Protein backbone atom coordinates (compact mmCIF):
# COMPACT_ATOMS: atom_id res chain seq x y z
CA MET A 1 0.09 -0.05 0.06
CA ARG A 2 1.09 3.49 -1.11
CA LEU A 3 2.19 5.70 2.27
CA ALA A 4 -0.25 8.55 0.96
CA SER A 5 -3.21 6.03 1.12
CA ALA A 6 -2.08 4.09 4.21
CA LEU A 7 -1.88 7.64 6.14
CA VAL A 8 -5.52 8.30 5.65
CA THR A 9 -6.76 6.05 8.48
CA GLY A 10 -4.30 7.66 10.63
CA LEU A 11 -5.02 11.02 9.79
CA ILE A 12 -8.88 10.45 10.48
CA ALA A 13 -7.93 9.09 13.84
CA LEU A 14 -5.80 12.22 14.81
CA SER A 15 -8.45 14.62 13.47
CA CYS A 16 -9.73 15.28 17.05
CA GLY A 17 -6.97 17.09 18.37
CA GLN A 18 -6.13 20.68 17.06
CA PRO A 19 -2.56 21.97 17.31
CA ASN A 20 -1.50 24.77 19.54
CA THR A 21 -1.40 27.73 17.01
CA THR A 22 -0.03 31.10 17.75
CA GLN A 23 0.94 34.12 15.46
CA ALA A 24 4.56 35.41 14.47
CA THR A 25 5.78 38.23 16.52
CA THR A 26 6.45 39.76 12.96
CA ALA A 27 5.12 38.90 9.52
CA ALA A 28 4.82 40.52 6.20
CA SER A 29 5.67 43.87 7.48
CA ALA A 30 9.32 42.72 8.52
CA PRO A 31 12.05 44.43 6.24
CA ARG A 32 13.31 42.85 3.08
CA VAL A 33 16.40 40.47 3.72
CA GLY A 34 17.81 41.59 0.32
CA THR A 35 17.30 41.96 -3.33
CA ILE A 36 18.15 39.45 -5.96
CA SER A 37 21.14 40.42 -8.37
CA ALA A 38 19.48 42.21 -11.51
CA ALA A 39 21.81 39.94 -13.66
CA THR A 40 20.69 36.64 -12.22
CA ALA A 41 17.36 34.91 -13.54
CA MET A 42 15.24 33.21 -10.84
CA PRO A 43 14.97 29.54 -10.53
CA ASN A 44 12.84 27.99 -13.42
CA SER A 45 11.07 25.47 -11.09
CA SER A 46 7.37 24.65 -11.18
CA PRO A 47 5.52 23.75 -8.05
CA PRO A 48 4.73 19.97 -7.76
CA SER A 49 1.76 18.93 -9.65
CA ALA A 50 -1.55 18.80 -7.57
CA GLY A 51 -2.45 15.44 -6.67
CA THR A 52 -2.89 12.83 -3.69
CA THR A 53 0.17 12.64 -2.43
CA LEU A 54 0.52 14.69 1.05
CA ALA A 55 3.85 16.14 2.28
CA TYR A 56 5.49 15.24 5.83
CA GLY A 57 8.26 16.59 7.82
CA LEU A 58 9.92 13.58 9.66
CA LEU A 59 10.90 14.21 13.40
CA ILE A 60 13.07 11.88 15.82
CA ALA A 61 11.30 12.53 19.16
CA SER A 62 11.87 10.65 22.45
CA GLY A 63 13.08 7.53 20.71
CA ARG A 64 10.43 7.63 18.03
CA LEU A 65 10.33 8.67 14.37
CA GLU A 66 7.19 10.71 13.53
CA LEU A 67 5.52 11.58 10.35
CA ILE A 68 4.51 15.34 10.90
CA THR A 69 1.79 16.95 8.72
CA PRO A 70 1.60 20.53 7.82
CA ASP A 71 -0.74 21.18 10.22
CA ALA A 72 1.45 19.78 13.02
CA ARG A 73 -0.69 16.51 13.54
CA ILE A 74 1.17 13.12 13.96
CA ALA A 75 0.12 11.12 11.10
CA GLY A 76 2.51 8.21 11.94
CA SER A 77 4.69 7.45 15.12
CA VAL A 78 6.93 4.15 15.32
CA SER A 79 9.60 3.17 17.65
CA MET A 80 13.14 3.83 16.53
CA ALA A 81 16.22 2.36 18.54
CA ASP A 82 19.39 4.24 18.72
CA PRO A 83 22.49 2.59 17.18
CA SER A 84 25.45 1.36 19.51
CA LEU A 85 28.07 3.33 17.74
CA GLU A 86 30.46 4.51 20.55
CA ALA A 87 30.79 8.26 20.83
CA GLN A 88 34.05 8.49 20.76
CA ALA A 89 34.82 5.75 17.95
CA CYS A 90 36.89 8.41 16.55
CA GLY A 91 39.55 8.45 19.30
CA ASN A 92 41.75 11.37 19.97
CA GLY A 93 38.82 12.89 21.98
CA MET A 94 36.61 13.27 18.82
CA GLY A 95 33.06 12.65 18.32
CA ALA A 96 31.96 10.45 15.25
CA TRP A 97 29.53 12.50 13.40
CA THR A 98 26.31 11.14 12.20
CA LEU A 99 23.11 12.02 10.61
CA PRO A 100 19.81 10.58 11.15
CA GLY A 101 19.04 7.14 9.76
CA VAL A 102 16.02 8.01 7.69
CA SER A 103 15.21 7.94 4.18
CA ALA A 104 11.90 8.45 2.36
CA SER A 105 11.02 7.45 -1.33
CA ASN A 106 7.87 8.72 -3.30
CA ASP A 107 5.75 6.05 -1.56
CA HIS A 108 7.38 5.10 1.87
CA VAL A 109 9.61 6.24 4.72
CA TYR A 110 12.35 3.92 5.90
CA PHE A 111 14.52 4.14 8.94
CA ARG A 112 17.64 2.39 10.47
CA ASP A 113 16.47 0.61 13.76
CA GLY A 114 19.55 -0.25 15.90
CA ASP A 115 22.62 -0.90 14.35
CA THR A 116 21.26 -2.90 11.33
CA ARG A 117 17.84 -3.11 10.58
CA ILE A 118 16.26 -1.13 7.81
CA ARG A 119 12.72 -0.99 8.28
CA MET A 120 9.44 0.53 6.60
CA VAL A 121 6.89 2.54 8.44
CA VAL A 122 3.37 1.38 8.11
CA PRO A 123 1.15 4.25 9.11
CA PRO A 124 -0.11 4.74 11.75
CA ALA A 125 2.08 2.84 14.19
CA SER A 126 3.38 -0.45 12.75
CA VAL A 127 6.98 -1.35 10.60
CA ALA A 128 7.91 -3.84 8.34
CA ASP A 129 11.46 -5.18 7.87
CA VAL A 130 13.29 -4.68 4.53
CA THR A 131 17.02 -5.24 4.58
CA THR A 132 19.97 -4.74 6.88
CA VAL A 133 23.12 -2.63 6.67
CA PRO A 134 26.38 -2.92 8.39
CA GLY A 135 26.56 -1.70 12.01
CA GLY A 136 28.25 -1.89 15.52
CA SER A 137 30.08 -0.14 18.26
CA ALA A 138 32.64 0.98 15.54
CA VAL A 139 30.55 1.04 12.51
CA ILE A 140 27.87 3.20 11.15
CA SER A 141 25.65 3.07 8.11
CA GLY A 142 23.69 5.92 6.25
CA PHE A 143 21.35 5.08 3.45
CA SER A 144 18.83 6.38 0.97
CA VAL A 145 16.35 4.51 -0.82
CA SER A 146 15.73 5.23 -4.49
CA PRO A 147 12.26 7.19 -5.29
CA ASP A 148 10.60 4.03 -6.90
CA ASP A 149 11.72 1.69 -3.83
CA ARG A 150 13.74 -0.51 -6.01
CA ARG A 151 17.50 0.34 -5.05
CA ILE A 152 19.39 1.47 -1.79
CA ALA A 153 22.44 3.38 -1.44
CA VAL A 154 24.46 2.69 1.74
CA SER A 155 27.66 4.74 3.26
CA VAL A 156 29.47 2.55 5.72
CA GLU A 157 32.00 3.99 8.07
CA ARG A 158 34.15 1.89 9.85
CA PHE A 159 36.41 3.30 12.84
CA SER A 160 39.67 2.04 13.98
CA ALA A 161 42.69 2.98 15.95
CA SER A 162 44.52 2.99 12.57
CA GLY A 163 41.93 5.15 10.68
CA ILE A 164 38.54 5.66 9.14
CA ASN A 165 37.22 3.47 6.29
CA ASP A 166 34.31 5.21 4.10
CA ARG A 167 32.77 2.91 1.64
CA LEU A 168 29.69 3.39 -0.46
CA TYR A 169 27.64 0.74 -2.44
CA VAL A 170 24.46 0.31 -4.06
CA GLU A 171 22.18 -2.85 -4.33
CA ASP A 172 18.72 -3.73 -4.64
CA LEU A 173 16.40 -2.76 -1.46
CA ARG A 174 15.26 -6.13 -0.99
CA GLY A 175 17.47 -9.40 -0.99
CA HIS A 176 20.90 -7.66 -1.22
CA THR A 177 21.13 -8.50 -5.38
CA HIS A 178 22.96 -6.47 -7.73
CA HIS A 179 25.51 -5.17 -5.39
CA VAL A 180 28.02 -2.82 -6.55
CA ASP A 181 30.72 -1.33 -4.46
CA ILE A 182 30.92 2.24 -5.99
CA TYR A 183 33.45 4.10 -3.72
CA SER A 184 35.85 3.31 -0.70
CA THR A 185 38.59 5.46 0.71
CA THR A 186 40.83 5.01 4.15
CA THR A 187 41.91 7.84 6.15
CA ALA A 188 44.92 7.29 8.64
CA ALA A 189 44.10 8.36 12.31
CA GLY A 190 44.63 11.93 12.97
CA LYS A 191 44.16 13.33 9.51
CA VAL A 192 41.12 15.28 8.25
CA THR A 193 38.34 12.93 7.48
CA ARG A 194 35.28 13.28 5.10
CA MET A 195 32.32 11.11 5.12
CA LEU A 196 29.69 10.90 2.08
CA TRP A 197 26.14 10.51 3.34
CA PRO A 198 23.40 9.41 0.98
CA MET A 199 20.59 12.16 1.15
CA GLY A 200 18.60 11.43 -1.66
CA TRP A 201 18.27 10.36 -5.48
CA HIS A 202 18.10 12.89 -8.38
CA GLY A 203 16.92 10.41 -11.20
CA SER A 204 19.59 7.71 -11.42
CA GLU A 205 21.91 10.05 -9.51
CA LEU A 206 22.87 10.26 -5.81
CA VAL A 207 22.89 13.43 -3.93
CA LEU A 208 25.49 13.22 -1.30
CA ALA A 209 26.22 15.51 1.80
CA VAL A 210 29.79 15.70 2.54
CA TRP A 211 30.69 15.80 6.35
CA ALA A 212 33.45 15.66 8.79
CA ALA A 213 33.38 12.30 10.07
CA CYS A 214 35.17 13.31 13.23
CA THR A 215 34.91 16.56 15.20
CA TYR A 216 35.57 18.13 18.50
CA GLU A 217 32.42 20.18 18.40
CA LEU A 218 29.01 20.30 16.68
CA VAL A 219 28.97 20.91 12.82
CA PRO A 220 25.70 22.70 12.14
CA TYR A 221 26.42 22.45 8.25
CA PRO A 222 27.97 19.98 5.75
CA ASN A 223 31.28 20.78 3.77
CA ALA A 224 29.55 20.49 0.37
CA TRP A 225 26.81 18.64 -1.63
CA HIS A 226 28.17 16.25 -4.19
CA VAL A 227 25.68 14.71 -7.14
CA ALA A 228 27.14 11.34 -8.34
CA ASP A 229 26.16 8.59 -10.66
CA ALA A 230 24.86 5.87 -8.75
CA THR A 231 26.76 3.12 -10.87
CA THR A 232 30.18 4.59 -10.82
CA ALA A 233 30.05 7.54 -8.28
CA VAL A 234 31.48 9.55 -10.97
CA ARG A 235 30.55 13.04 -9.70
CA ARG A 236 28.19 15.18 -11.62
CA ALA A 237 28.28 18.38 -9.76
CA SER A 238 29.51 19.83 -6.35
CA ILE A 239 27.68 22.62 -4.47
CA GLY A 240 29.20 24.56 -1.64
CA ASP A 241 32.47 24.76 -0.20
CA ALA A 242 34.43 26.72 2.31
CA ASN A 243 33.55 29.94 0.81
CA CYS A 244 29.96 29.24 0.46
CA ILE A 245 28.51 27.33 3.25
CA PRO A 246 25.58 24.98 2.03
CA GLY A 247 22.40 24.21 3.61
CA ASP A 248 21.59 21.26 5.75
CA TRP A 249 18.88 19.98 3.32
CA ALA A 250 18.63 19.50 -0.57
CA SER A 251 15.48 19.88 -2.21
CA PRO A 252 14.30 18.86 -5.48
CA ALA A 253 14.86 22.35 -6.80
CA GLY A 254 18.49 22.20 -5.69
CA VAL A 255 20.77 23.53 -2.90
CA ALA A 256 21.66 26.90 -1.65
CA CYS A 257 24.69 28.17 -0.16
CA PHE A 258 25.83 31.45 1.83
CA SER A 259 28.96 33.45 0.89
CA THR A 260 30.29 35.11 3.97
CA SER A 261 32.77 37.17 2.07
CA SER A 262 30.28 38.48 -0.73
CA GLN A 263 27.18 38.48 1.77
CA GLN A 264 25.21 36.41 -0.87
CA VAL A 265 22.92 33.43 -0.89
CA ARG A 266 23.74 31.58 -4.15
CA VAL A 267 21.09 29.01 -5.37
CA TYR A 268 22.03 25.84 -7.69
CA ASP A 269 20.06 23.44 -9.16
CA LEU A 270 21.14 19.66 -8.77
CA SER A 271 23.23 19.89 -12.13
CA GLY A 272 25.28 22.63 -10.34
CA THR A 273 24.11 25.36 -12.50
CA LEU A 274 23.65 28.67 -10.57
CA LYS A 275 20.02 29.88 -10.77
CA ALA A 276 19.85 32.85 -8.55
CA THR A 277 21.81 35.24 -6.28
CA LEU A 278 20.20 36.98 -3.39
CA GLN A 279 22.28 39.83 -1.82
CA THR A 280 22.09 39.49 1.93
CA ASP A 281 23.69 39.24 5.33
CA THR A 282 21.50 36.48 6.31
CA GLY A 283 22.34 32.62 5.62
CA ALA A 284 18.89 31.65 4.31
CA THR A 285 20.18 28.22 2.66
CA GLU A 286 17.07 25.98 3.26
CA LEU A 287 15.44 25.81 -0.10
CA SER A 288 11.69 24.66 -0.58
CA PRO A 289 10.89 21.85 -2.78
CA ASP A 290 9.30 24.02 -5.51
CA GLY A 291 12.46 26.37 -5.40
CA THR A 292 10.31 29.67 -4.41
CA LEU A 293 11.05 29.94 -0.78
CA LEU A 294 14.23 30.25 1.44
CA LEU A 295 14.59 29.98 5.11
CA ALA A 296 17.27 30.73 7.89
CA SER A 297 17.12 30.07 11.59
CA THR A 298 19.52 31.60 14.44
CA GLY A 299 20.01 31.53 18.13
CA GLY A 300 20.01 28.34 20.46
CA GLY A 301 23.82 28.84 20.86
CA ILE A 302 26.29 30.56 23.09
CA GLY A 303 25.85 34.33 22.89
CA ASN A 304 22.53 34.25 20.88
CA PRO A 305 20.23 31.77 22.89
CA SER A 306 17.06 33.19 21.37
CA PRO A 307 15.67 31.00 18.50
CA SER A 308 14.35 32.81 15.42
CA SER A 309 13.48 31.84 11.93
CA SER A 310 13.32 34.01 8.78
CA LEU A 311 11.07 32.64 5.80
CA LEU A 312 11.25 34.73 2.57
CA ARG A 313 10.76 34.28 -1.01
CA VAL A 314 13.92 33.50 -3.34
CA ASP A 315 14.10 37.42 -4.70
CA GLY A 316 14.51 38.58 -1.20
CA SER A 317 11.11 39.85 -0.92
CA GLY A 318 8.08 38.59 1.40
CA VAL A 319 10.20 38.31 4.67
CA VAL A 320 8.43 36.51 7.84
CA LYS A 321 10.43 36.68 10.91
CA VAL A 322 9.26 34.18 13.67
CA ASP A 323 10.59 34.20 17.05
CA GLY A 324 10.78 31.41 19.51
CA THR A 325 11.64 28.51 16.98
CA MET A 326 14.28 27.51 14.79
CA ALA A 327 13.02 26.15 11.51
CA CYS A 328 15.35 23.41 9.89
CA LEU A 329 13.66 22.30 6.52
CA TRP A 330 10.53 22.99 4.37
CA ILE A 331 7.68 20.08 4.38
CA ASP A 332 6.38 21.72 1.20
CA GLY A 333 5.95 25.11 -0.49
CA GLN A 334 3.80 26.57 2.57
CA HIS A 335 5.29 25.00 5.64
CA ALA A 336 8.44 24.59 7.46
CA LEU A 337 9.35 22.21 9.95
CA SER A 338 11.03 23.04 13.26
CA PRO A 339 12.31 20.74 16.21
CA ASP A 340 9.16 21.95 18.24
CA ALA A 341 6.83 23.25 15.67
CA VAL A 342 5.25 24.02 11.98
CA ILE A 343 5.32 27.44 10.90
CA THR A 344 2.92 28.62 7.97
CA TYR A 345 4.37 30.85 5.26
CA PRO A 346 3.34 33.83 4.64
CA SER A 347 0.94 34.20 7.47
CA GLY A 348 3.63 33.21 10.18
CA ALA A 349 1.31 30.99 12.16
CA VAL A 350 3.28 28.67 14.38
CA ALA A 351 1.59 25.32 15.32
CA HIS A 352 3.49 23.89 18.19
CA LEU A 353 4.37 20.03 18.32
CA ALA A 354 3.81 18.16 21.49
CA GLN A 355 7.45 17.38 22.18
CA THR A 356 10.81 18.46 20.81
CA GLY A 357 12.77 16.37 18.41
CA GLN A 358 15.42 16.27 15.73
CA CYS A 359 14.60 17.00 12.19
CA ALA A 360 15.20 14.02 9.74
CA GLY A 361 13.77 14.99 6.32
CA ARG A 362 11.00 15.10 4.49
CA PHE A 363 8.31 12.80 2.37
CA PRO A 364 8.11 12.47 -0.51
CA GLY A 365 11.75 11.94 -0.79
CA ALA A 366 12.65 12.27 -4.42
CA LEU A 367 15.14 14.90 -5.17
């Protein structure tokens, strides 16, 4: 059964409860963040066609994977065990950096339960076993299921005293058949280590986030985004670098990055083509699925504890500033997910969630 259809029962059962909704402190009257470069075209992206498939934000909260609707209801919730990876697997006082073990196709949501089991959500509260990946106290796997539910890309990080091995393979989602190892590298202990984490599929290509595998402190954004052939790992595009800090999540419309030196947000499609440039001092790098909106969040850290979110159009107009919550990604072309709320654009209305969690992606998952 397709996820969109299976969720209907859960939505009906949950329709009795209303989310706690408040208005943003500032909305459409907020000042413009910036203006688009006159020489730069807007992204040529059309909104998704209207259909029966709904969009959901994916959130990990209190040991459960939750499917959050645009109006902040929980359409599905299943137990999700943490992996046993040792926090200091990197050695030398560095922590092993990992991302949520969650992936979405166009029909289903998948998650890594514990170390090795990949399971599928069957809304509203059931699961089905699908496949397995490597895992353990010194091994962690990230994965992404293709939009048609046929293939799975898996990144395997193996930590040891001598160094770290990063391996990427692709195989059939069920049965481990047609397995192909497409990338492998080993970095000696003490050296700067990067890992490739599969975050989605763009047709027959993989969209990979490049992160530091071992860190002394929290890393809030990836080093870059790579788009690579799913059979050979040949890189087709690279977006973002030390001079243009990329957003945490890719969208079907592409990836944005923020240049602190030129004070620009640059929007690229997944071929690596620059589509828009926004002159601004705000790092609004989270791009909506239809490519028309951006968001940025600040606060929650040392020196700036007050959380805030800014949502705006790619041309810099229509700025909505919402205090009290930090949006992390767009659920659809109108709603942004925060760890504790859903924000509606352009009204700035905030629907609070029952508990705070960690953002883990969006459904549907095709890029």
